[in-house]
Each structure stands twice: as structure tokens, then as C-alpha cells.
């Protein structure tokens, strides 16, 4: 971020906004075919005992899942099993 050169305006100029590149998450199956999850599909999933959840795909076969739980939570049982079943 940098200051505006225009003295009439007291605004900060933003150089770049980083964020979402593609909404869909793509995965490669063992047979080489691709499976994808759209943002709408993710929004439609309900995870028990999860207050907030974020999905970050760093490469085609890696999905980082960050979440805030409500009380006791077993991620393998309540998040991963639903994701695996959905992709199967």
C-alpha cells in the first residue's frame, strides 16, 4: 500500500488485491480422470459441530481444511468422511 500523490485526497492506494483465483476445487482420481467440487456444492454441505470452515487447494491433489469447531469434534469422522463420500 502507498499514499496517494494527490494532495486533495487523503486515500491510501492499494497495489494488489490477493484472493480467490478459481472457485472450483479439482482433484485427480487414480484412473487419471478429474473430479471437481464447486463452491455451491461446498456451501450445501453440512458439517456437524463445525462453526466455521475454510477450504484451500494448494495444488491439484491437496486440500487444506481449516475449521472452528463447536465443542468436541472428530475431523476424520465429521468432515473427511463426508468429503470422501461426496467425491466417491
PDB file of N, CA and C in Angstrom:
ATOM      1  N   UNK A   1       0.841  -1.174   0.000  1.00  0.00           N
ATOM      2  CA  UNK A   1       0.000   0.000   0.000  1.00  0.00           C
ATOM      3  C   UNK A   1       0.889   1.240   0.000  1.00  0.00           C
ATOM      4  N   UNK A   2       0.418   2.268  -0.666  1.00  0.00           N
ATOM      5  CA  UNK A   2       1.189   3.503  -0.698  1.00  0.00           C
ATOM      6  C   UNK A   2       0.252   4.703  -0.612  1.00  0.00           C
ATOM      7  N   UNK A   3       0.780   5.816  -0.208  1.00  0.00           N
ATOM      8  CA  UNK A   3      -0.013   7.026  -0.058  1.00  0.00           C
ATOM      9  C   UNK A   3      -0.285   7.661  -1.406  1.00  0.00           C
ATOM     10  N   UNK A   4      -1.432   8.292  -1.524  1.00  0.00           N
ATOM     11  CA  UNK A   4      -1.800   8.982  -2.753  1.00  0.00           C
ATOM     12  C   UNK A   4      -0.896  10.189  -2.972  1.00  0.00           C
ATOM     13  N   UNK A   5      -0.529  10.429  -4.223  1.00  0.00           N
ATOM     14  CA  UNK A   5       0.285  11.604  -4.560  1.00  0.00           C
ATOM     15  C   UNK A   5      -0.586  12.848  -4.666  1.00  0.00           C
ATOM     16  N   UNK A   6      -1.881  12.653  -4.805  1.00  0.00           N
ATOM     17  CA  UNK A   6      -2.810  13.769  -4.946  1.00  0.00           C
ATOM     18  C   UNK A   6      -3.109  14.341  -3.559  1.00  0.00           C
ATOM     19  N   UNK A   7      -2.734  15.587  -3.334  1.00  0.00           N
ATOM     20  CA  UNK A   7      -2.912  16.214  -2.029  1.00  0.00           C
ATOM     21  C   UNK A   7      -4.376  16.528  -1.708  1.00  0.00           C
ATOM     22  N   UNK A   8      -5.238  16.533  -2.710  1.00  0.00           N
ATOM     23  CA  UNK A   8      -6.653  16.844  -2.488  1.00  0.00           C
ATOM     24  C   UNK A   8      -7.408  15.659  -1.897  1.00  0.00           C
ATOM     25  N   UNK A   9      -6.842  14.487  -1.978  1.00  0.00           N
ATOM     26  CA  UNK A   9      -7.496  13.286  -1.472  1.00  0.00           C
ATOM     27  C   UNK A   9      -6.594  12.617  -0.444  1.00  0.00           C
ATOM     28  N   UNK A  10      -7.177  12.240   0.655  1.00  0.00           N
ATOM     29  CA  UNK A  10      -6.402  11.584   1.707  1.00  0.00           C
ATOM     30  C   UNK A  10      -6.741  10.090   1.708  1.00  0.00           C
ATOM     31  N   UNK A  11      -6.415   9.415   0.618  1.00  0.00           N
ATOM     32  CA  UNK A  11      -6.704   7.991   0.471  1.00  0.00           C
ATOM     33  C   UNK A  11      -5.403   7.213   0.349  1.00  0.00           C
ATOM     34  N   UNK A  12      -5.477   5.948   0.696  1.00  0.00           N
ATOM     35  CA  UNK A  12      -4.358   5.046   0.502  1.00  0.00           C
ATOM     36  C   UNK A  12      -4.613   4.257  -0.775  1.00  0.00           C
ATOM     37  N   UNK A  13      -3.611   4.128  -1.620  1.00  0.00           N
ATOM     38  CA  UNK A  13      -3.731   3.352  -2.850  1.00  0.00           C
ATOM     39  C   UNK A  13      -3.321   1.916  -2.585  1.00  0.00           C
ATOM     40  N   UNK A  14      -4.053   0.985  -3.118  1.00  0.00           N
ATOM     41  CA  UNK A  14      -3.755  -0.441  -2.954  1.00  0.00           C
ATOM     42  C   UNK A  14      -3.051  -0.931  -4.208  1.00  0.00           C
ATOM     43  N   UNK A  15      -1.902  -1.568  -4.036  1.00  0.00           N
ATOM     44  CA  UNK A  15      -1.141  -2.086  -5.168  1.00  0.00           C
ATOM     45  C   UNK A  15      -1.771  -3.344  -5.752  1.00  0.00           C
ATOM     46  N   UNK A  16      -2.243  -4.235  -4.884  1.00  0.00           N
ATOM     47  CA  UNK A  16      -2.721  -5.529  -5.346  1.00  0.00           C
ATOM     48  C   UNK A  16      -3.716  -6.098  -4.343  1.00  0.00           C
ATOM     49  N   UNK A  17      -4.725  -6.781  -4.861  1.00  0.00           N
ATOM     50  CA  UNK A  17      -5.667  -7.486  -4.007  1.00  0.00           C
ATOM     51  C   UNK A  17      -5.506  -8.971  -4.294  1.00  0.00           C
ATOM     52  N   UNK A  18      -5.115  -9.721  -3.277  1.00  0.00           N
ATOM     53  CA  UNK A  18      -4.951 -11.162  -3.432  1.00  0.00           C
ATOM     54  C   UNK A  18      -6.212 -11.859  -2.984  1.00  0.00           C
ATOM     55  N   UNK A  19      -6.475 -13.002  -3.559  1.00  0.00           N
ATOM     56  CA  UNK A  19      -7.660 -13.741  -3.139  1.00  0.00           C
ATOM     57  C   UNK A  19      -7.921 -14.922  -4.035  1.00  0.00           C
ATOM     58  N   UNK A  20      -9.150 -15.258  -4.123  1.00  0.00           N
ATOM     59  CA  UNK A  20      -9.597 -16.431  -4.854  1.00  0.00           C
ATOM     60  C   UNK A  20      -9.244 -16.326  -6.331  1.00  0.00           C
ATOM     61  N   UNK A  21      -8.679 -17.400  -6.871  1.00  0.00           N
ATOM     62  CA  UNK A  21      -8.356 -17.457  -8.291  1.00  0.00           C
ATOM     63  C   UNK A  21      -9.442 -18.237  -9.017  1.00  0.00           C
ATOM     64  N   UNK A  22      -9.764 -19.413  -8.514  1.00  0.00           N
ATOM     65  CA  UNK A  22     -10.795 -20.267  -9.098  1.00  0.00           C
ATOM     66  C   UNK A  22     -11.653 -20.804  -7.963  1.00  0.00           C
ATOM     67  N   UNK A  23     -12.955 -20.754  -8.132  1.00  0.00           N
ATOM     68  CA  UNK A  23     -13.847 -21.234  -7.074  1.00  0.00           C
ATOM     69  C   UNK A  23     -13.925 -22.755  -7.001  1.00  0.00           C
ATOM     70  N   UNK A  24     -13.770 -23.426  -8.130  1.00  0.00           N
ATOM     71  CA  UNK A  24     -13.905 -24.884  -8.151  1.00  0.00           C
ATOM     72  C   UNK A  24     -12.637 -25.557  -7.639  1.00  0.00           C
ATOM     73  N   UNK A  25     -12.819 -26.677  -6.940  1.00  0.00           N
ATOM     74  CA  UNK A  25     -11.702 -27.483  -6.458  1.00  0.00           C
ATOM     75  C   UNK A  25     -11.600 -28.715  -7.348  1.00  0.00           C
ATOM     76  N   UNK A  26     -10.448 -28.949  -7.947  1.00  0.00           N
ATOM     77  CA  UNK A  26     -10.252 -30.082  -8.855  1.00  0.00           C
ATOM     78  C   UNK A  26      -9.357 -31.124  -8.212  1.00  0.00           C
ATOM     79  N   UNK A  27      -9.722 -32.371  -8.394  1.00  0.00           N
ATOM     80  CA  UNK A  27      -8.946 -33.492  -7.870  1.00  0.00           C
ATOM     81  C   UNK A  27      -8.745 -34.506  -8.978  1.00  0.00           C
ATOM     82  N   UNK A  28      -7.586 -35.153  -8.995  1.00  0.00           N
ATOM     83  CA  UNK A  28      -7.298 -36.181  -9.989  1.00  0.00           C
ATOM     84  C   UNK A  28      -7.481 -37.544  -9.337  1.00  0.00           C
ATOM     85  N   UNK A  29      -8.304 -38.381  -9.947  1.00  0.00           N
ATOM     86  CA  UNK A  29      -8.538 -39.731  -9.422  1.00  0.00           C
ATOM     87  C   UNK A  29      -7.401 -40.660  -9.849  1.00  0.00           C
ATOM     88  N   UNK A  30      -7.368 -41.838  -9.264  1.00  0.00           N
ATOM     89  CA  UNK A  30      -6.313 -42.815  -9.564  1.00  0.00           C
ATOM     90  C   UNK A  30      -6.298 -43.201 -11.039  1.00  0.00           C
ATOM     91  N   UNK A  31      -7.472 -43.197 -11.688  1.00  0.00           N
ATOM     92  CA  UNK A  31      -7.538 -43.571 -13.107  1.00  0.00           C
ATOM     93  C   UNK A  31      -7.199 -42.412 -14.048  1.00  0.00           C
ATOM     94  N   UNK A  32      -6.824 -41.241 -13.477  1.00  0.00           N
ATOM     95  CA  UNK A  32      -6.442 -40.089 -14.291  1.00  0.00           C
ATOM     96  C   UNK A  32      -7.590 -39.136 -14.596  1.00  0.00           C
ATOM     97  N   UNK A  33      -8.814 -39.547 -14.331  1.00  0.00           N
ATOM     98  CA  UNK A  33      -9.948 -38.654 -14.568  1.00  0.00           C
ATOM     99  C   UNK A  33     -10.000 -37.588 -13.476  1.00  0.00           C
ATOM    100  N   UNK A  34     -10.738 -36.523 -13.758  1.00  0.00           N
ATOM    101  CA  UNK A  34     -10.829 -35.427 -12.790  1.00  0.00           C
ATOM    102  C   UNK A  34     -12.205 -35.368 -12.158  1.00  0.00           C
ATOM    103  N   UNK A  35     -12.218 -34.968 -10.911  1.00  0.00           N
ATOM    104  CA  UNK A  35     -13.454 -34.733 -10.163  1.00  0.00           C
ATOM    105  C   UNK A  35     -13.362 -33.307  -9.655  1.00  0.00           C
ATOM    106  N   UNK A  36     -14.496 -32.619  -9.609  1.00  0.00           N
ATOM    107  CA  UNK A  36     -14.436 -31.262  -9.081  1.00  0.00           C
ATOM    108  C   UNK A  36     -15.562 -31.032  -8.085  1.00  0.00           C
ATOM    109  N   UNK A  37     -15.295 -30.129  -7.169  1.00  0.00           N
ATOM    110  CA  UNK A  37     -16.292 -29.638  -6.229  1.00  0.00           C
ATOM    111  C   UNK A  37     -16.451 -28.155  -6.503  1.00  0.00           C
ATOM    112  N   UNK A  38     -17.683 -27.708  -6.661  1.00  0.00           N
ATOM    113  CA  UNK A  38     -17.922 -26.288  -6.877  1.00  0.00           C
ATOM    114  C   UNK A  38     -18.179 -25.608  -5.543  1.00  0.00           C
ATOM    115  N   UNK A  39     -18.075 -24.295  -5.529  1.00  0.00           N
ATOM    116  CA  UNK A  39     -18.350 -23.532  -4.310  1.00  0.00           C
ATOM    117  C   UNK A  39     -19.779 -23.769  -3.841  1.00  0.00           C
ATOM    118  N   UNK A  40     -20.716 -23.899  -4.766  1.00  0.00           N
ATOM    119  CA  UNK A  40     -22.109 -24.158  -4.386  1.00  0.00           C
ATOM    120  C   UNK A  40     -22.265 -25.515  -3.714  1.00  0.00           C
ATOM    121  N   UNK A  41     -21.541 -26.511  -4.176  1.00  0.00           N
ATOM    122  CA  UNK A  41     -21.601 -27.829  -3.536  1.00  0.00           C
ATOM    123  C   UNK A  41     -21.042 -27.759  -2.117  1.00  0.00           C
ATOM    124  N   UNK A  42     -19.956 -27.021  -1.929  1.00  0.00           N
ATOM    125  CA  UNK A  42     -19.364 -26.897  -0.596  1.00  0.00           C
ATOM    126  C   UNK A  42     -20.308 -26.162   0.358  1.00  0.00           C
ATOM    127  N   UNK A  43     -20.966 -25.139  -0.139  1.00  0.00           N
ATOM    128  CA  UNK A  43     -21.901 -24.382   0.704  1.00  0.00           C
ATOM    129  C   UNK A  43     -23.059 -25.278   1.131  1.00  0.00           C
ATOM    130  N   UNK A  44     -23.447 -26.210   0.266  1.00  0.00           N
ATOM    131  CA  UNK A  44     -24.570 -27.097   0.564  1.00  0.00           C
ATOM    132  C   UNK A  44     -24.251 -28.198   1.555  1.00  0.00           C
ATOM    133  N   UNK A  45     -22.974 -28.404   1.857  1.00  0.00           N
ATOM    134  CA  UNK A  45     -22.595 -29.457   2.803  1.00  0.00           C
ATOM    135  C   UNK A  45     -22.805 -28.970   4.235  1.00  0.00           C
ATOM    136  N   UNK A  46     -23.289 -29.845   5.065  1.00  0.00           N
ATOM    137  CA  UNK A  46     -23.458 -29.512   6.477  1.00  0.00           C
ATOM    138  C   UNK A  46     -22.520 -30.381   7.292  1.00  0.00           C
ATOM    139  N   UNK A  47     -21.663 -29.748   8.071  1.00  0.00           N
ATOM    140  CA  UNK A  47     -20.718 -30.460   8.904  1.00  0.00           C
ATOM    141  C   UNK A  47     -21.149 -30.318  10.363  1.00  0.00           C
ATOM    142  N   UNK A  48     -21.418 -31.446  11.010  1.00  0.00           N
ATOM    143  CA  UNK A  48     -21.804 -31.429  12.419  1.00  0.00           C
ATOM    144  C   UNK A  48     -20.704 -30.817  13.273  1.00  0.00           C
ATOM    145  N   UNK A  49     -21.099 -30.059  14.266  1.00  0.00           N
ATOM    146  CA  UNK A  49     -20.179 -29.482  15.245  1.00  0.00           C
ATOM    147  C   UNK A  49     -19.119 -28.563  14.652  1.00  0.00           C
ATOM    148  N   UNK A  50     -19.370 -27.993  13.478  1.00  0.00           N
ATOM    149  CA  UNK A  50     -18.416 -27.075  12.848  1.00  0.00           C
ATOM    150  C   UNK A  50     -19.062 -25.692  12.746  1.00  0.00           C
ATOM    151  N   UNK A  51     -18.408 -24.719  13.372  1.00  0.00           N
ATOM    152  CA  UNK A  51     -18.928 -23.352  13.348  1.00  0.00           C
ATOM    153  C   UNK A  51     -18.499 -22.637  12.063  1.00  0.00           C
ATOM    154  N   UNK A  52     -17.204 -22.752  11.708  1.00  0.00           N
ATOM    155  CA  UNK A  52     -16.648 -22.126  10.509  1.00  0.00           C
ATOM    156  C   UNK A  52     -15.739 -23.133   9.832  1.00  0.00           C
ATOM    157  N   UNK A  53     -15.693 -23.055   8.484  1.00  0.00           N
ATOM    158  CA  UNK A  53     -14.797 -23.960   7.757  1.00  0.00           C
ATOM    159  C   UNK A  53     -14.267 -23.242   6.520  1.00  0.00           C
ATOM    160  N   UNK A  54     -12.997 -23.490   6.204  1.00  0.00           N
ATOM    161  CA  UNK A  54     -12.369 -22.890   5.026  1.00  0.00           C
ATOM    162  C   UNK A  54     -11.605 -23.976   4.280  1.00  0.00           C
ATOM    163  N   UNK A  55     -11.761 -24.001   2.958  1.00  0.00           N
ATOM    164  CA  UNK A  55     -11.067 -24.951   2.094  1.00  0.00           C
ATOM    165  C   UNK A  55     -10.057 -24.186   1.260  1.00  0.00           C
ATOM    166  N   UNK A  56      -8.802 -24.644   1.262  1.00  0.00           N
ATOM    167  CA  UNK A  56      -7.756 -24.027   0.458  1.00  0.00           C
ATOM    168  C   UNK A  56      -7.082 -25.127  -0.342  1.00  0.00           C
ATOM    169  N   UNK A  57      -7.143 -25.020  -1.674  1.00  0.00           N
ATOM    170  CA  UNK A  57      -6.486 -26.009  -2.529  1.00  0.00           C
ATOM    171  C   UNK A  57      -5.152 -25.436  -2.978  1.00  0.00           C
ATOM    172  N   UNK A  58      -4.072 -26.080  -2.528  1.00  0.00           N
ATOM    173  CA  UNK A  58      -2.733 -25.591  -2.839  1.00  0.00           C
ATOM    174  C   UNK A  58      -2.188 -26.194  -4.129  1.00  0.00           C
ATOM    175  N   UNK A  59      -2.625 -27.389  -4.481  1.00  0.00           N
ATOM    176  CA  UNK A  59      -2.312 -27.996  -5.775  1.00  0.00           C
ATOM    177  C   UNK A  59      -3.433 -28.969  -6.100  1.00  0.00           C
ATOM    178  N   UNK A  60      -3.337 -29.664  -7.246  1.00  0.00           N
ATOM    179  CA  UNK A  60      -4.485 -30.434  -7.724  1.00  0.00           C
ATOM    180  C   UNK A  60      -4.908 -31.600  -6.832  1.00  0.00           C
ATOM    181  N   UNK A  61      -4.058 -32.063  -5.962  1.00  0.00           N
ATOM    182  CA  UNK A  61      -4.441 -33.184  -5.101  1.00  0.00           C
ATOM    183  C   UNK A  61      -4.249 -32.900  -3.611  1.00  0.00           C
ATOM    184  N   UNK A  62      -4.176 -31.635  -3.260  1.00  0.00           N
ATOM    185  CA  UNK A  62      -4.019 -31.266  -1.856  1.00  0.00           C
ATOM    186  C   UNK A  62      -5.107 -30.278  -1.476  1.00  0.00           C
ATOM    187  N   UNK A  63      -5.807 -30.576  -0.407  1.00  0.00           N
ATOM    188  CA  UNK A  63      -6.855 -29.691   0.096  1.00  0.00           C
ATOM    189  C   UNK A  63      -6.602 -29.446   1.569  1.00  0.00           C
ATOM    190  N   UNK A  64      -6.368 -28.195   1.927  1.00  0.00           N
ATOM    191  CA  UNK A  64      -6.173 -27.830   3.325  1.00  0.00           C
ATOM    192  C   UNK A  64      -7.533 -27.403   3.873  1.00  0.00           C
ATOM    193  N   UNK A  65      -7.933 -28.001   4.985  1.00  0.00           N
ATOM    194  CA  UNK A  65      -9.216 -27.689   5.604  1.00  0.00           C
ATOM    195  C   UNK A  65      -8.939 -27.076   6.969  1.00  0.00           C
ATOM    196  N   UNK A  66      -9.369 -25.838   7.153  1.00  0.00           N
ATOM    197  CA  UNK A  66      -9.241 -25.166   8.437  1.00  0.00           C
ATOM    198  C   UNK A  66     -10.645 -24.987   8.991  1.00  0.00           C
ATOM    199  N   UNK A  67     -10.827 -25.226  10.277  1.00  0.00           N
ATOM    200  CA  UNK A  67     -12.179 -25.133  10.832  1.00  0.00           C
ATOM    201  C   UNK A  67     -12.144 -24.690  12.286  1.00  0.00           C
ATOM    202  N   UNK A  68     -13.278 -24.171  12.718  1.00  0.00           N
ATOM    203  CA  UNK A  68     -13.516 -23.843  14.118  1.00  0.00           C
ATOM    204  C   UNK A  68     -14.685 -24.717  14.541  1.00  0.00           C
ATOM    205  N   UNK A  69     -14.447 -25.546  15.533  1.00  0.00           N
ATOM    206  CA  UNK A  69     -15.477 -26.490  15.968  1.00  0.00           C
ATOM    207  C   UNK A  69     -16.342 -25.953  17.093  1.00  0.00           C
ATOM    208  N   UNK A  70     -17.458 -26.624  17.259  1.00  0.00           N
ATOM    209  CA  UNK A  70     -18.342 -26.377  18.401  1.00  0.00           C
ATOM    210  C   UNK A  70     -18.112 -27.516  19.380  1.00  0.00           C
ATOM    211  N   UNK A  71     -17.410 -27.262  20.449  1.00  0.00           N
ATOM    212  CA  UNK A  71     -17.148 -28.321  21.423  1.00  0.00           C
ATOM    213  C   UNK A  71     -16.228 -29.386  20.856  1.00  0.00           C
ATOM    214  N   UNK A  72     -16.498 -30.625  21.224  1.00  0.00           N
ATOM    215  CA  UNK A  72     -15.696 -31.768  20.761  1.00  0.00           C
ATOM    216  C   UNK A  72     -15.987 -32.044  19.294  1.00  0.00           C
ATOM    217  N   UNK A  73     -14.923 -32.254  18.516  1.00  0.00           N
ATOM    218  CA  UNK A  73     -15.104 -32.566  17.089  1.00  0.00           C
ATOM    219  C   UNK A  73     -14.050 -33.586  16.671  1.00  0.00           C
ATOM    220  N   UNK A  74     -14.461 -34.536  15.861  1.00  0.00           N
ATOM    221  CA  UNK A  74     -13.555 -35.522  15.269  1.00  0.00           C
ATOM    222  C   UNK A  74     -13.507 -35.231  13.770  1.00  0.00           C
ATOM    223  N   UNK A  75     -12.480 -34.501  13.305  1.00  0.00           N
ATOM    224  CA  UNK A  75     -12.432 -34.095  11.898  1.00  0.00           C
ATOM    225  C   UNK A  75     -12.532 -35.261  10.910  1.00  0.00           C
ATOM    226  N   UNK A  76     -11.868 -36.394  11.227  1.00  0.00           N
ATOM    227  CA  UNK A  76     -11.905 -37.529  10.310  1.00  0.00           C
ATOM    228  C   UNK A  76     -13.339 -38.028  10.139  1.00  0.00           C
ATOM    229  N   UNK A  77     -14.088 -37.990  11.203  1.00  0.00           N
ATOM    230  CA  UNK A  77     -15.444 -38.520  11.194  1.00  0.00           C
ATOM    231  C   UNK A  77     -16.447 -37.514  10.618  1.00  0.00           C
ATOM    232  N   UNK A  78     -16.317 -36.261  11.002  1.00  0.00           N
ATOM    233  CA  UNK A  78     -17.340 -35.281  10.684  1.00  0.00           C
ATOM    234  C   UNK A  78     -17.066 -34.462   9.424  1.00  0.00           C
ATOM    235  N   UNK A  79     -15.823 -34.361   8.992  1.00  0.00           N
ATOM    236  CA  UNK A  79     -15.509 -33.580   7.794  1.00  0.00           C
ATOM    237  C   UNK A  79     -15.004 -34.478   6.679  1.00  0.00           C
ATOM    238  N   UNK A  80     -13.930 -35.215   6.942  1.00  0.00           N
ATOM    239  CA  UNK A  80     -13.316 -36.009   5.884  1.00  0.00           C
ATOM    240  C   UNK A  80     -14.227 -37.098   5.331  1.00  0.00           C
ATOM    241  N   UNK A  81     -14.962 -37.762   6.180  1.00  0.00           N
ATOM    242  CA  UNK A  81     -15.830 -38.843   5.678  1.00  0.00           C
ATOM    243  C   UNK A  81     -16.887 -38.288   4.732  1.00  0.00           C
ATOM    244  N   UNK A  82     -17.445 -37.109   5.039  1.00  0.00           N
ATOM    245  CA  UNK A  82     -18.440 -36.507   4.154  1.00  0.00           C
ATOM    246  C   UNK A  82     -17.807 -36.103   2.819  1.00  0.00           C
ATOM    247  N   UNK A  83     -16.598 -35.527   2.871  1.00  0.00           N
ATOM    248  CA  UNK A  83     -15.913 -35.147   1.637  1.00  0.00           C
ATOM    249  C   UNK A  83     -15.607 -36.362   0.769  1.00  0.00           C
ATOM    250  N   UNK A  84     -15.123 -37.433   1.388  1.00  0.00           N
ATOM    251  CA  UNK A  84     -14.792 -38.656   0.640  1.00  0.00           C
ATOM    252  C   UNK A  84     -16.030 -39.266   0.023  1.00  0.00           C
ATOM    253  N   UNK A  85     -17.120 -39.345   0.797  1.00  0.00           N
ATOM    254  CA  UNK A  85     -18.368 -39.879   0.258  1.00  0.00           C
ATOM    255  C   UNK A  85     -18.892 -39.042  -0.891  1.00  0.00           C
ATOM    256  N   UNK A  86     -18.744 -37.752  -0.797  1.00  0.00           N
ATOM    257  CA  UNK A  86     -19.235 -36.861  -1.859  1.00  0.00           C
ATOM    258  C   UNK A  86     -18.447 -37.048  -3.141  1.00  0.00           C
ATOM    259  N   UNK A  87     -17.136 -37.273  -3.014  1.00  0.00           N
ATOM    260  CA  UNK A  87     -16.294 -37.443  -4.192  1.00  0.00           C
ATOM    261  C   UNK A  87     -16.334 -38.857  -4.770  1.00  0.00           C
ATOM    262  N   UNK A  88     -16.880 -39.803  -4.026  1.00  0.00           N
ATOM    263  CA  UNK A  88     -16.917 -41.194  -4.495  1.00  0.00           C
ATOM    264  C   UNK A  88     -17.985 -41.411  -5.542  1.00  0.00           C
TER     265      UNK A  88
END
